[in-house]
Amino acid sequence: MKVTLGELNTGDSARVAAFLDSGSAYRRKLLAMGLTPGTSFTVCRVAPLGDPIQLEVRGFHLTIRRDEAEVIEVARV
């Protein structure tokens, strides 16, 4: 089942499936941060108001905003 990264909860693990309608500059930014298609990650924390979201990707912690997370389609693991 594919959902967006913004819909995941703390402790959920998923794999990046695709990028939805985002500009090429933003897509390059996500790729540079290590969120390439096929990459597995775990949601470590979600802030009390839901923004930002902390992920563990490739052995490091990455924090992204919820609106940025909405353009990343993921498949739950």
PDB file of N, CA and C in Angstrom:
ATOM      1  N   MET A   1       0.834  -1.181   0.000  1.00  0.00           N
ATOM      2  CA  MET A   1       0.000   0.000   0.000  1.00  0.00           C
ATOM      3  C   MET A   1       0.877   1.243   0.000  1.00  0.00           C
ATOM      4  N   LYS A   2       0.625   2.148  -0.915  1.00  0.00           N
ATOM      5  CA  LYS A   2       1.444   3.348  -1.011  1.00  0.00           C
ATOM      6  C   LYS A   2       0.725   4.546  -0.403  1.00  0.00           C
ATOM      7  N   VAL A   3       1.458   5.269   0.416  1.00  0.00           N
ATOM      8  CA  VAL A   3       0.967   6.477   1.076  1.00  0.00           C
ATOM      9  C   VAL A   3       2.067   7.521   0.970  1.00  0.00           C
ATOM     10  N   THR A   4       1.814   8.722   1.473  1.00  0.00           N
ATOM     11  CA  THR A   4       2.879   9.723   1.492  1.00  0.00           C
ATOM     12  C   THR A   4       3.615   9.653   2.820  1.00  0.00           C
ATOM     13  N   LEU A   5       4.817  10.159   2.826  1.00  0.00           N
ATOM     14  CA  LEU A   5       5.631  10.131   4.037  1.00  0.00           C
ATOM     15  C   LEU A   5       4.949  10.888   5.165  1.00  0.00           C
ATOM     16  N   GLY A   6       4.216  11.930   4.850  1.00  0.00           N
ATOM     17  CA  GLY A   6       3.532  12.721   5.863  1.00  0.00           C
ATOM     18  C   GLY A   6       2.444  11.974   6.607  1.00  0.00           C
ATOM     19  N   GLU A   7       1.983  10.849   6.081  1.00  0.00           N
ATOM     20  CA  GLU A   7       0.926  10.065   6.714  1.00  0.00           C
ATOM     21  C   GLU A   7       1.456   9.018   7.688  1.00  0.00           C
ATOM     22  N   LEU A   8       2.772   8.847   7.769  1.00  0.00           N
ATOM     23  CA  LEU A   8       3.351   7.831   8.653  1.00  0.00           C
ATOM     24  C   LEU A   8       3.398   8.320  10.088  1.00  0.00           C
ATOM     25  N   ASN A   9       3.443   7.381  11.024  1.00  0.00           N
ATOM     26  CA  ASN A   9       3.522   7.682  12.453  1.00  0.00           C
ATOM     27  C   ASN A   9       4.885   7.283  12.994  1.00  0.00           C
ATOM     28  N   THR A  10       5.177   7.712  14.208  1.00  0.00           N
ATOM     29  CA  THR A  10       6.431   7.370  14.865  1.00  0.00           C
ATOM     30  C   THR A  10       6.598   5.855  14.932  1.00  0.00           C
ATOM     31  N   GLY A  11       7.781   5.374  14.543  1.00  0.00           N
ATOM     32  CA  GLY A  11       8.086   3.954  14.576  1.00  0.00           C
ATOM     33  C   GLY A  11       7.800   3.222  13.276  1.00  0.00           C
ATOM     34  N   ASP A  12       7.084   3.859  12.355  1.00  0.00           N
ATOM     35  CA  ASP A  12       6.787   3.221  11.068  1.00  0.00           C
ATOM     36  C   ASP A  12       8.043   3.149  10.201  1.00  0.00           C
ATOM     37  N   SER A  13       8.191   2.054   9.485  1.00  0.00           N
ATOM     38  CA  SER A  13       9.283   1.897   8.524  1.00  0.00           C
ATOM     39  C   SER A  13       8.686   1.847   7.128  1.00  0.00           C
ATOM     40  N   ALA A  14       9.391   2.427   6.184  1.00  0.00           N
ATOM     41  CA  ALA A  14       8.891   2.468   4.810  1.00  0.00           C
ATOM     42  C   ALA A  14      10.061   2.573   3.852  1.00  0.00           C
ATOM     43  N   ARG A  15       9.734   2.521   2.575  1.00  0.00           N
ATOM     44  CA  ARG A  15      10.719   2.631   1.494  1.00  0.00           C
ATOM     45  C   ARG A  15      10.214   3.695   0.527  1.00  0.00           C
ATOM     46  N   VAL A  16      11.116   4.560   0.062  1.00  0.00           N
ATOM     47  CA  VAL A  16      10.733   5.608  -0.888  1.00  0.00           C
ATOM     48  C   VAL A  16      10.315   4.939  -2.193  1.00  0.00           C
ATOM     49  N   ALA A  17       9.105   5.249  -2.656  1.00  0.00           N
ATOM     50  CA  ALA A  17       8.596   4.665  -3.899  1.00  0.00           C
ATOM     51  C   ALA A  17       8.734   5.644  -5.060  1.00  0.00           C
ATOM     52  N   ALA A  18       8.349   6.896  -4.853  1.00  0.00           N
ATOM     53  CA  ALA A  18       8.378   7.878  -5.938  1.00  0.00           C
ATOM     54  C   ALA A  18       8.222   9.276  -5.356  1.00  0.00           C
ATOM     55  N   PHE A  19       8.437  10.267  -6.212  1.00  0.00           N
ATOM     56  CA  PHE A  19       8.201  11.661  -5.854  1.00  0.00           C
ATOM     57  C   PHE A  19       6.990  12.138  -6.634  1.00  0.00           C
ATOM     58  N   LEU A  20       6.051  12.750  -5.932  1.00  0.00           N
ATOM     59  CA  LEU A  20       4.869  13.290  -6.586  1.00  0.00           C
ATOM     60  C   LEU A  20       5.233  14.624  -7.240  1.00  0.00           C
ATOM     61  N   ASP A  21       4.264  15.355  -7.708  1.00  0.00           N
ATOM     62  CA  ASP A  21       4.504  16.613  -8.434  1.00  0.00           C
ATOM     63  C   ASP A  21       5.310  17.608  -7.610  1.00  0.00           C
ATOM     64  N   SER A  22       6.607  17.558  -7.768  1.00  0.00           N
ATOM     65  CA  SER A  22       7.489  18.516  -7.106  1.00  0.00           C
ATOM     66  C   SER A  22       8.435  19.071  -8.158  1.00  0.00           C
ATOM     67  N   GLY A  23       8.922  20.257  -7.923  1.00  0.00           N
ATOM     68  CA  GLY A  23       9.842  20.868  -8.871  1.00  0.00           C
ATOM     69  C   GLY A  23      11.158  20.113  -8.931  1.00  0.00           C
ATOM     70  N   SER A  24      11.859  20.278 -10.032  1.00  0.00           N
ATOM     71  CA  SER A  24      13.122  19.555 -10.196  1.00  0.00           C
ATOM     72  C   SER A  24      14.165  19.991  -9.171  1.00  0.00           C
ATOM     73  N   ALA A  25      14.138  21.258  -8.759  1.00  0.00           N
ATOM     74  CA  ALA A  25      15.098  21.722  -7.760  1.00  0.00           C
ATOM     75  C   ALA A  25      14.839  21.040  -6.418  1.00  0.00           C
ATOM     76  N   TYR A  26      13.573  20.915  -6.039  1.00  0.00           N
ATOM     77  CA  TYR A  26      13.250  20.254  -4.772  1.00  0.00           C
ATOM     78  C   TYR A  26      13.573  18.769  -4.850  1.00  0.00           C
ATOM     79  N   ARG A  27      13.327  18.163  -5.996  1.00  0.00           N
ATOM     80  CA  ARG A  27      13.643  16.744  -6.174  1.00  0.00           C
ATOM     81  C   ARG A  27      15.149  16.518  -6.020  1.00  0.00           C
ATOM     82  N   ARG A  28      15.970  17.388  -6.584  1.00  0.00           N
ATOM     83  CA  ARG A  28      17.422  17.270  -6.434  1.00  0.00           C
ATOM     84  C   ARG A  28      17.828  17.414  -4.973  1.00  0.00           C
ATOM     85  N   LYS A  29      17.135  18.293  -4.235  1.00  0.00           N
ATOM     86  CA  LYS A  29      17.429  18.489  -2.817  1.00  0.00           C
ATOM     87  C   LYS A  29      17.158  17.196  -2.041  1.00  0.00           C
ATOM     88  N   LEU A  30      16.017  16.556  -2.319  1.00  0.00           N
ATOM     89  CA  LEU A  30      15.688  15.301  -1.649  1.00  0.00           C
ATOM     90  C   LEU A  30      16.703  14.214  -1.990  1.00  0.00           C
ATOM     91  N   LEU A  31      17.098  14.116  -3.236  1.00  0.00           N
ATOM     92  CA  LEU A  31      18.088  13.126  -3.653  1.00  0.00           C
ATOM     93  C   LEU A  31      19.425  13.372  -2.958  1.00  0.00           C
ATOM     94  N   ALA A  32      19.819  14.642  -2.831  1.00  0.00           N
ATOM     95  CA  ALA A  32      21.076  14.988  -2.166  1.00  0.00           C
ATOM     96  C   ALA A  32      21.045  14.630  -0.679  1.00  0.00           C
ATOM     97  N   MET A  33      19.852  14.660  -0.072  1.00  0.00           N
ATOM     98  CA  MET A  33      19.726  14.315   1.344  1.00  0.00           C
ATOM     99  C   MET A  33      19.675  12.809   1.568  1.00  0.00           C
ATOM    100  N   GLY A  34      19.672  12.025   0.487  1.00  0.00           N
ATOM    101  CA  GLY A  34      19.699  10.574   0.622  1.00  0.00           C
ATOM    102  C   GLY A  34      18.362   9.895   0.441  1.00  0.00           C
ATOM    103  N   LEU A  35      17.316  10.641   0.129  1.00  0.00           N
ATOM    104  CA  LEU A  35      15.994  10.050  -0.074  1.00  0.00           C
ATOM    105  C   LEU A  35      15.815   9.679  -1.544  1.00  0.00           C
ATOM    106  N   THR A  36      16.528   8.655  -1.955  1.00  0.00           N
ATOM    107  CA  THR A  36      16.431   8.181  -3.337  1.00  0.00           C
ATOM    108  C   THR A  36      15.402   7.051  -3.407  1.00  0.00           C
ATOM    109  N   PRO A  37      14.780   6.841  -4.559  1.00  0.00           N
ATOM    110  CA  PRO A  37      13.805   5.750  -4.677  1.00  0.00           C
ATOM    111  C   PRO A  37      14.424   4.407  -4.282  1.00  0.00           C
ATOM    112  N   GLY A  38      13.695   3.657  -3.451  1.00  0.00           N
ATOM    113  CA  GLY A  38      14.170   2.366  -2.973  1.00  0.00           C
ATOM    114  C   GLY A  38      14.843   2.419  -1.617  1.00  0.00           C
ATOM    115  N   THR A  39      15.100   3.610  -1.099  1.00  0.00           N
ATOM    116  CA  THR A  39      15.776   3.762   0.187  1.00  0.00           C
ATOM    117  C   THR A  39      14.813   3.499   1.338  1.00  0.00           C
ATOM    118  N   SER A  40      15.232   2.670   2.286  1.00  0.00           N
ATOM    119  CA  SER A  40      14.418   2.395   3.475  1.00  0.00           C
ATOM    120  C   SER A  40      14.726   3.417   4.555  1.00  0.00           C
ATOM    121  N   PHE A  41      13.726   3.719   5.378  1.00  0.00           N
ATOM    122  CA  PHE A  41      13.901   4.665   6.477  1.00  0.00           C
ATOM    123  C   PHE A  41      12.893   4.331   7.570  1.00  0.00           C
ATOM    124  N   THR A  42      13.121   4.912   8.744  1.00  0.00           N
ATOM    125  CA  THR A  42      12.223   4.758   9.881  1.00  0.00           C
ATOM    126  C   THR A  42      11.861   6.140  10.402  1.00  0.00           C
ATOM    127  N   VAL A  43      10.609   6.347  10.759  1.00  0.00           N
ATOM    128  CA  VAL A  43      10.174   7.609  11.360  1.00  0.00           C
ATOM    129  C   VAL A  43      10.544   7.554  12.834  1.00  0.00           C
ATOM    130  N   CYS A  44      11.464   8.418  13.246  1.00  0.00           N
ATOM    131  CA  CYS A  44      11.931   8.423  14.641  1.00  0.00           C
ATOM    132  C   CYS A  44      11.013   9.244  15.542  1.00  0.00           C
ATOM    133  N   ARG A  45      10.685  10.453  15.101  1.00  0.00           N
ATOM    134  CA  ARG A  45       9.862  11.342  15.910  1.00  0.00           C
ATOM    135  C   ARG A  45       8.989  12.206  15.014  1.00  0.00           C
ATOM    136  N   VAL A  46       7.860  12.588  15.568  1.00  0.00           N
ATOM    137  CA  VAL A  46       6.999  13.583  14.936  1.00  0.00           C
ATOM    138  C   VAL A  46       6.742  14.632  16.000  1.00  0.00           C
ATOM    139  N   ALA A  47       6.966  15.898  15.663  1.00  0.00           N
ATOM    140  CA  ALA A  47       6.785  16.976  16.628  1.00  0.00           C
ATOM    141  C   ALA A  47       5.337  17.011  17.131  1.00  0.00           C
ATOM    142  N   PRO A  48       5.105  17.552  18.322  1.00  0.00           N
ATOM    143  CA  PRO A  48       3.758  17.562  18.901  1.00  0.00           C
ATOM    144  C   PRO A  48       2.682  18.168  17.987  1.00  0.00           C
ATOM    145  N   LEU A  49       3.018  19.167  17.232  1.00  0.00           N
ATOM    146  CA  LEU A  49       2.042  19.772  16.324  1.00  0.00           C
ATOM    147  C   LEU A  49       2.108  19.160  14.929  1.00  0.00           C
ATOM    148  N   GLY A  50       2.911  18.092  14.777  1.00  0.00           N
ATOM    149  CA  GLY A  50       2.975  17.377  13.509  1.00  0.00           C
ATOM    150  C   GLY A  50       4.027  17.857  12.537  1.00  0.00           C
ATOM    151  N   ASP A  51       4.778  18.877  12.888  1.00  0.00           N
ATOM    152  CA  ASP A  51       5.779  19.420  11.971  1.00  0.00           C
ATOM    153  C   ASP A  51       6.971  19.888  12.780  1.00  0.00           C
ATOM    154  N   PRO A  52       8.166  19.434  12.561  1.00  0.00           N
ATOM    155  CA  PRO A  52       8.705  18.588  11.502  1.00  0.00           C
ATOM    156  C   PRO A  52       8.663  17.099  11.864  1.00  0.00           C
ATOM    157  N   ILE A  53       9.184  16.297  10.918  1.00  0.00           N
ATOM    158  CA  ILE A  53       9.256  14.849  11.070  1.00  0.00           C
ATOM    159  C   ILE A  53      10.726  14.445  11.023  1.00  0.00           C
ATOM    160  N   GLN A  54      11.168  13.645  12.000  1.00  0.00           N
ATOM    161  CA  GLN A  54      12.557  13.182  12.025  1.00  0.00           C
ATOM    162  C   GLN A  54      12.618  11.747  11.519  1.00  0.00           C
ATOM    163  N   LEU A  55      13.501  11.503  10.558  1.00  0.00           N
ATOM    164  CA  LEU A  55      13.673  10.184   9.955  1.00  0.00           C
ATOM    165  C   LEU A  55      15.073   9.663  10.231  1.00  0.00           C
ATOM    166  N   GLU A  56      15.211   8.337  10.262  1.00  0.00           N
ATOM    167  CA  GLU A  56      16.534   7.728  10.263  1.00  0.00           C
ATOM    168  C   GLU A  56      16.716   7.115   8.882  1.00  0.00           C
ATOM    169  N   VAL A  57      17.658   7.686   8.130  1.00  0.00           N
ATOM    170  CA  VAL A  57      17.920   7.269   6.757  1.00  0.00           C
ATOM    171  C   VAL A  57      19.405   6.987   6.612  1.00  0.00           C
ATOM    172  N   ARG A  58      19.757   5.791   6.171  1.00  0.00           N
ATOM    173  CA  ARG A  58      21.156   5.438   5.904  1.00  0.00           C
ATOM    174  C   ARG A  58      22.083   5.704   7.089  1.00  0.00           C
ATOM    175  N   GLY A  59      21.569   5.506   8.305  1.00  0.00           N
ATOM    176  CA  GLY A  59      22.401   5.648   9.495  1.00  0.00           C
ATOM    177  C   GLY A  59      22.510   7.053  10.042  1.00  0.00           C
ATOM    178  N   PHE A  60      21.789   8.027   9.512  1.00  0.00           N
ATOM    179  CA  PHE A  60      21.808   9.373  10.075  1.00  0.00           C
ATOM    180  C   PHE A  60      20.375   9.860  10.232  1.00  0.00           C
ATOM    181  N   HIS A  61      20.210  10.921  11.013  1.00  0.00           N
ATOM    182  CA  HIS A  61      18.888  11.485  11.267  1.00  0.00           C
ATOM    183  C   HIS A  61      18.658  12.679  10.348  1.00  0.00           C
ATOM    184  N   LEU A  62      17.496  12.708   9.738  1.00  0.00           N
ATOM    185  CA  LEU A  62      17.113  13.753   8.800  1.00  0.00           C
ATOM    186  C   LEU A  62      15.774  14.309   9.247  1.00  0.00           C
ATOM    187  N   THR A  63      15.649  15.622   9.280  1.00  0.00           N
ATOM    188  CA  THR A  63      14.397  16.254   9.666  1.00  0.00           C
ATOM    189  C   THR A  63      13.843  17.015   8.473  1.00  0.00           C
ATOM    190  N   ILE A  64      12.581  16.741   8.153  1.00  0.00           N
ATOM    191  CA  ILE A  64      11.933  17.454   7.050  1.00  0.00           C
ATOM    192  C   ILE A  64      10.570  17.958   7.503  1.00  0.00           C
ATOM    193  N   ARG A  65      10.084  18.976   6.821  1.00  0.00           N
ATOM    194  CA  ARG A  65       8.774  19.543   7.132  1.00  0.00           C
ATOM    195  C   ARG A  65       7.674  18.659   6.568  1.00  0.00           C
ATOM    196  N   ARG A  66       6.507  18.752   7.165  1.00  0.00           N
ATOM    197  CA  ARG A  66       5.378  17.927   6.741  1.00  0.00           C
ATOM    198  C   ARG A  66       4.971  18.242   5.305  1.00  0.00           C
ATOM    199  N   ASP A  67       4.963  19.496   4.907  1.00  0.00           N
ATOM    200  CA  ASP A  67       4.575  19.820   3.524  1.00  0.00           C
ATOM    201  C   ASP A  67       5.590  19.263   2.528  1.00  0.00           C
ATOM    202  N   GLU A  68       6.859  19.186   2.918  1.00  0.00           N
ATOM    203  CA  GLU A  68       7.867  18.556   2.065  1.00  0.00           C
ATOM    204  C   GLU A  68       7.647  17.050   2.014  1.00  0.00           C
ATOM    205  N   ALA A  69       7.219  16.457   3.133  1.00  0.00           N
ATOM    206  CA  ALA A  69       7.001  15.017   3.213  1.00  0.00           C
ATOM    207  C   ALA A  69       5.799  14.578   2.366  1.00  0.00           C
ATOM    208  N   GLU A  70       4.882  15.485   2.102  1.00  0.00           N
ATOM    209  CA  GLU A  70       3.680  15.141   1.339  1.00  0.00           C
ATOM    210  C   GLU A  70       3.968  14.854  -0.126  1.00  0.00           C
ATOM    211  N   VAL A  71       5.140  15.201  -0.637  1.00  0.00           N
ATOM    212  CA  VAL A  71       5.459  14.933  -2.052  1.00  0.00           C
ATOM    213  C   VAL A  71       6.254  13.647  -2.228  1.00  0.00           C
ATOM    214  N   ILE A  72       6.492  12.928  -1.123  1.00  0.00           N
ATOM    215  CA  ILE A  72       7.251  11.680  -1.187  1.00  0.00           C
ATOM    216  C   ILE A  72       6.291  10.513  -1.006  1.00  0.00           C
ATOM    217  N   GLU A  73       6.122   9.719  -2.038  1.00  0.00           N
ATOM    218  CA  GLU A  73       5.268   8.531  -1.957  1.00  0.00           C
ATOM    219  C   GLU A  73       6.106   7.378  -1.432  1.00  0.00           C
ATOM    220  N   VAL A  74       5.573   6.665  -0.441  1.00  0.00           N
ATOM    221  CA  VAL A  74       6.310   5.575   0.193  1.00  0.00           C
ATOM    222  C   VAL A  74       5.483   4.300   0.208  1.00  0.00           C
ATOM    223  N   ALA A  75       6.169   3.188   0.395  1.00  0.00           N
ATOM    224  CA  ALA A  75       5.522   1.880   0.572  1.00  0.00           C
ATOM    225  C   ALA A  75       5.931   1.385   1.955  1.00  0.00           C
ATOM    226  N   ARG A  76       4.949   1.078   2.777  1.00  0.00           N
ATOM    227  CA  ARG A  76       5.253   0.596   4.137  1.00  0.00           C
ATOM    228  C   ARG A  76       5.983  -0.731   4.080  1.00  0.00           C
ATOM    229  N   VAL A  77       6.914  -0.924   5.024  1.00  0.00           N
ATOM    230  CA  VAL A  77       7.681  -2.161   5.093  1.00  0.00           C
ATOM    231  C   VAL A  77       7.122  -3.025   6.203  1.00  0.00           C
TER     232      VAL A  77
END
